[in-house]
Amino acid sequence: MAEITSNMPYDAITIGDTLPPWSRVTDIMHWNRYAAVNDEFLYFHMEDEAARAALNPQGAFGMGNLRFAYMHNALEAVFGDVAAVRELSCQFRTINQKGDCLTVTGTVTEKWQDGAEQMLRIKLDVRNQHGDSTCPGEAVIAYG
């Protein structure tokens, strides 16, 4: 088992290989960018008092779908133009807080051929700086 490198050929990847960790420290700047593109300016994502009123005592918290986007960013960083994301799913398990360092991790769990395409299934997760799983998911990647 090894870490997958950028634009690695399909034949060099084996079950158990891992994605290089992809990290981002979340803050209001990142949330504002995401909210501007997705029209998701909700007060509890931007203002500590609004988040506390929504029963999150730590204040403003991140958008779940931003972690979904981070998964896509991590896959794009590794596979670039050699492969395409065919499926991507996740479950939001816990809130991410302002200042959290979120890291996307992934492990290849399956390889198969589908017609002319060579396929990979990858178990994904977005973990915080404490190692807690915040957003487990799965991706299917197609080469070819």
Protein backbone atom coordinates (compact mmCIF):
# COMPACT_ATOMS: atom_id res chain seq x y z
CA MET A 1 0.00 0.00 0.00
CA ALA A 2 1.26 3.43 -0.96
CA GLU A 3 0.16 7.02 -1.29
CA ILE A 4 -1.29 7.89 -4.68
CA THR A 5 0.66 10.62 -6.46
CA SER A 6 -0.70 13.31 -8.76
CA ASN A 7 -1.82 11.92 -12.13
CA MET A 8 -0.70 8.40 -11.18
CA PRO A 9 -1.59 5.80 -13.85
CA TYR A 10 -4.44 3.42 -13.04
CA ASP A 11 -2.27 0.30 -13.28
CA ALA A 12 0.03 1.62 -10.54
CA ILE A 13 -2.83 2.00 -8.01
CA THR A 14 -3.72 -0.90 -5.71
CA ILE A 15 -6.49 -1.55 -3.20
CA GLY A 16 -5.43 -0.03 0.12
CA ASP A 17 -3.52 2.87 -1.47
CA THR A 18 -4.31 6.24 0.09
CA LEU A 19 -4.86 9.78 -1.12
CA PRO A 20 -2.37 12.36 0.09
CA PRO A 21 -4.05 14.35 2.88
CA TRP A 22 -5.72 17.56 1.66
CA SER A 23 -6.23 20.18 4.38
CA ARG A 24 -7.80 23.57 4.88
CA VAL A 25 -8.19 25.69 8.01
CA THR A 26 -11.73 26.98 7.93
CA ASP A 27 -12.52 30.58 8.72
CA ILE A 28 -14.92 33.36 7.79
CA MET A 29 -12.91 34.18 4.63
CA HIS A 30 -13.40 30.65 3.23
CA TRP A 31 -17.04 30.59 4.32
CA ASN A 32 -17.70 33.96 2.65
CA ARG A 33 -16.21 32.74 -0.64
CA TYR A 34 -18.30 29.59 -0.54
CA ALA A 35 -21.45 31.48 0.49
CA ALA A 36 -20.99 34.02 -2.33
CA VAL A 37 -20.79 31.32 -4.98
CA ASN A 38 -23.64 29.23 -3.52
CA ASP A 39 -25.89 31.99 -2.15
CA GLU A 40 -25.65 30.51 1.33
CA PHE A 41 -25.37 33.58 3.54
CA LEU A 42 -27.04 32.21 6.65
CA TYR A 43 -26.44 34.14 9.85
CA PHE A 44 -25.40 31.10 11.91
CA HIS A 45 -22.53 30.52 9.44
CA MET A 46 -21.32 34.12 9.73
CA GLU A 47 -22.19 35.47 13.17
CA ASP A 48 -21.30 33.93 16.51
CA GLU A 49 -24.41 35.26 18.27
CA ALA A 50 -26.75 33.84 15.62
CA ALA A 51 -25.04 30.45 15.93
CA ARG A 52 -25.35 30.54 19.71
CA ALA A 53 -29.06 31.35 19.31
CA ALA A 54 -29.23 28.25 17.06
CA LEU A 55 -27.84 26.26 20.04
CA ASN A 56 -24.20 26.03 18.95
CA PRO A 57 -22.38 27.45 21.98
CA GLN A 58 -19.03 27.76 20.14
CA GLY A 59 -20.39 30.30 17.66
CA ALA A 60 -20.42 30.40 13.87
CA PHE A 61 -20.03 27.03 12.18
CA GLY A 62 -19.19 25.87 8.68
CA MET A 63 -21.43 24.77 5.85
CA GLY A 64 -21.82 21.04 5.42
CA ASN A 65 -21.68 21.30 1.64
CA LEU A 66 -18.31 23.06 1.87
CA ARG A 67 -16.86 19.81 3.23
CA PHE A 68 -18.42 18.03 0.24
CA ALA A 69 -16.59 20.55 -1.98
CA TYR A 70 -13.35 19.87 -0.08
CA MET A 71 -13.71 16.17 -0.98
CA HIS A 72 -13.99 17.12 -4.63
CA ASN A 73 -10.97 19.44 -4.29
CA ALA A 74 -8.91 16.60 -2.80
CA LEU A 75 -9.87 14.22 -5.63
CA GLU A 76 -9.10 16.85 -8.28
CA ALA A 77 -5.71 17.55 -6.70
CA VAL A 78 -4.74 13.89 -7.06
CA PHE A 79 -6.43 12.76 -10.27
CA GLY A 80 -6.44 16.01 -12.26
CA ASP A 81 -7.10 15.38 -15.93
CA VAL A 82 -6.37 11.62 -15.96
CA ALA A 83 -9.68 10.63 -14.36
CA ALA A 84 -13.20 11.91 -13.69
CA VAL A 85 -15.34 11.82 -10.57
CA ARG A 86 -18.40 9.70 -11.47
CA GLU A 87 -19.98 9.55 -8.01
CA LEU A 88 -19.42 11.42 -4.76
CA SER A 89 -21.48 11.04 -1.61
CA CYS A 90 -21.09 11.89 2.07
CA GLN A 91 -22.86 12.07 5.40
CA PHE A 92 -22.60 15.14 7.63
CA ARG A 93 -21.92 13.73 11.08
CA THR A 94 -20.80 16.72 13.13
CA ILE A 95 -20.44 20.48 12.87
CA ASN A 96 -17.13 22.02 11.92
CA GLN A 97 -16.21 25.10 13.88
CA LYS A 98 -14.48 28.30 12.86
CA GLY A 99 -10.73 27.69 12.92
CA ASP A 100 -10.95 23.91 12.53
CA CYS A 101 -8.31 22.29 10.35
CA LEU A 102 -10.25 19.91 8.10
CA THR A 103 -8.34 17.16 6.31
CA VAL A 104 -9.73 14.97 3.55
CA THR A 105 -8.42 11.41 3.67
CA GLY A 106 -9.14 8.54 1.31
CA THR A 107 -8.39 4.86 0.73
CA VAL A 108 -8.94 2.82 -2.43
CA THR A 109 -11.36 0.00 -1.60
CA GLU A 110 -12.14 -1.42 -5.04
CA LYS A 111 -10.86 -1.55 -8.65
CA TRP A 112 -12.82 -2.81 -11.65
CA GLN A 113 -13.36 -2.45 -15.38
CA ASP A 114 -16.63 -0.97 -16.72
CA GLY A 115 -16.54 -1.16 -20.50
CA ALA A 116 -13.70 1.07 -21.64
CA GLU A 117 -13.40 2.77 -18.26
CA GLN A 118 -11.13 1.68 -15.42
CA MET A 119 -12.85 2.39 -12.11
CA LEU A 120 -11.79 3.06 -8.52
CA ARG A 121 -13.96 3.21 -5.41
CA ILE A 122 -12.47 5.38 -2.68
CA LYS A 123 -13.60 5.57 0.95
CA LEU A 124 -13.31 9.22 2.00
CA ASP A 125 -13.55 11.20 5.20
CA VAL A 126 -13.14 14.78 6.36
CA ARG A 127 -11.45 14.80 9.77
CA ASN A 128 -10.89 17.72 12.09
CA GLN A 129 -7.63 18.56 13.88
CA HIS A 130 -8.57 16.17 16.69
CA GLY A 131 -8.88 13.27 14.24
CA ASP A 132 -12.66 13.16 14.57
CA SER A 133 -14.64 12.05 11.54
CA THR A 134 -16.96 14.88 10.50
CA CYS A 135 -18.05 13.76 7.04
CA PRO A 136 -17.51 10.16 5.86
CA GLY A 137 -18.18 9.47 2.21
CA GLU A 138 -17.32 7.59 -0.93
CA ALA A 139 -16.25 8.38 -4.47
CA VAL A 140 -16.13 6.49 -7.73
CA ILE A 141 -13.38 7.58 -10.10
CA ALA A 142 -13.21 6.65 -13.81
CA TYR A 143 -10.07 6.48 -15.93
CA GLY A 144 -10.38 6.21 -19.67
